């Protein structure tokens, strides 16, 4: 199957080309035969549900044979022999599209093949008669092998699929292929090398006809080994390969549990041999032949689906396999064979439709596949652990929620804390492979388990919050333990990593493991903003990570820098404050300066980090970088990044100064006005009290009534009252105390009226020096009296 589209993640629709050359959506299941007659063209489109991207566009031609298989597959070939298949999640959706395709072609939707020539006897006879006239296929004789070879090659070279169809019909009827295989035995017995070379080309050409009906003949038990024998005699090889010997003597089928179903056994053998032909015997196709074997791929695909279905339906077989896997007394060889079988079984299961795949893995979970995997992954045998890891990978790809549910249920029941996910982390950090192949595989498993996009969220259950809370509380410390161990105080001196032993980041394998850990932590920063933030800040994690920038391995330095870049990319001020307070740009600048003038990835990554801060104008970081490091970096002129940061800094400084100046002016005016209002209110109250006392001593006379205006002017004239008023003095709290003293002539009348008041005026710092100077020369200050 060259291409396929999964309908559980896509939308399949039919569109018609109207007279304005625009595509109109026909929907699904709503096309009438009468309406089809007015359509210029109908196209089948497959679009992604998530991104609206166009995955497939295929015009429905009237002469294209469409075939419906297994109720959820629609298979066809494009005009140039390009095999296509649509895989639907449910039979109902497949039926709707199938009915629409049939109506567009004017066919009965009840058929399984829209252009099944074999079922239409009249049309078949006409085509066969035409083929006999146009195609002079040589008779199957030993002396005409060269003519047959030339004829088949010429048909394959024609650009029209109809000629290949006619040739397939001729070969399919009668015993032509079987007769050719009989000639193979004759040539081999006689040592006719030239005839064997012609048979190689003929059999290869028949395979390139890409017809399922021909495959069923060639891959039958009677013929398949002879087909393999023909393909041994490649003219390009000096000596024939012994593929039949390998398949019959060296490739042994091992039954971990006896299979009693003969049909299932035959299907397994056939699938293995056809896969061998596809992968080993057929030459690598050229760019012009890459689609010639699409139907052969589909043939293998459908065989695998059938094998998995038959095994799934055999309850006794799977149950017996699990009984042996759980047997603690089983030897390593037997357990290895059982796991190899299950790995192949899970690999075949990837061809199932989503509902069937879910049902299968639910059955495996019910039988106890996860506890078994947990047990065998702790074995010392590397092949056993590798097979168990592959099986777990298939399970996680199919249903990560199922694995997460098992892990959390296990945590509730476990007493010793020996959790499956912690076992995975332990296997990851203890990988002895210098290239860390197993560790990389396990890291991807952990990433898939903690990826929020495949976590379910329902009104009754939020898997994301529950599992991430569990992970950060019980699991994260296990897979980052090497990072904490290597950056601990007994290894680091002055934040510089020393030594080159196995526990040092200067060791290649250790550096590779730390790089994997940092890659996973960077993923957490990007997808788990809340939980990872708390963990980073509470454990001062970034400081530890940046210690690794002194490693001699540039890839580890880049991993540490990428982790910091991920934090800064979130533009979180809490992260920014943490970086500024800890002066965590210093290791980055030191690594940048140590790199010197080398124009490499480290140089580019550091410059990109600072350039991002400049472009996004992250003000707190811009100010920190310029104030702490600009003198060190200002000499770097081959990029304008650092000068750009200084420009950003100056702009921000000017703006802050302007704001501060405007704010100072507003506050000063506000305070001054408030003080004047308080003094005026005090003066009015004093004037009112004096007026009441005078009324009590002497009856008011019109001529003797004092003029209020004169009274106020007298109060506000500092020169005339200089001897009557004390200077205002600042209290310890910074306010001013204003005292008023009566004159000698008014002592009897106002002795009880002397008062003092405190006015809370907060001075600007710039005015404090002026006040201190004024205390030595009182005459420069105005006198206030009441």
Foldseek 3Di string as FASTA:
>chain_A
DQEEDEAVFKDKWKWFQDPVRDTDTPGWQRDALVNLVRTPWMWIWIAGPPPRDTDDIGTQDLQWKWFDPPLFKIWTAPFQLFIYMYGYQDSVVVLRRLVVSQSNNVHDSVDGISCDCVVVVVSVVVLQVVCVVVPVQDALDLVCLVVNLVSLVVLVPDRGLSSLVSVLSVPLPDCRVVSLLVSLVVCVVVVVLVSLQSLLSNLLSNLLSLDPSVCCVCLDPVHVLSSVVSLQNHVVDPHGDDPSCCLPPVDDDDDLDDDPDPVLVRLVSSLVSLVCCVPPRRDDDDPSRNSSNVSSVVVSLVSLVVNLVVVLVPVVSVLVLLVQLPDPPDDPVSNLVSLVVLLVSLVSLVSDRLVVSVVSVVVVVVSPLVVSLLVQCPDPDPSSVVSSLSNVVSVLVNALPVVLVVQVVCCVVDDVLPTSLLSLLVCLVPDPDLVSPVNVSSLVVVCSNLALVRFDDDPVDGRNVVSLVVCLVRPLCRNCVLLCVLLDPVQDDPLAGDDCDPSGCLDSSSVVSLLSNLVSLLVCVQGVVPSSVVVCVVVVPLSSQLSSLNHPDVSSVVSSLSSLLSNVVVLDVVSVVSCLVVVVCVSLVVSLVVVPPDDDPSVVSSLVSLQVCLVVVSPSVLQSCCVPPLVVVVVDDPDCSSVSSVVSNVVVVVVVVVVVVVVVVVVVVVLVVVVVVVLVVVVVVVVVVLVVLVCVPDPDDPVPDDDVVVVVVCQQDQVNCVVFFDDWDADPVRWTKGWGGHDPVCCVPCVVPTDIDIDGRHDDPVCPVVVVVCVVPVVVDGGGHD
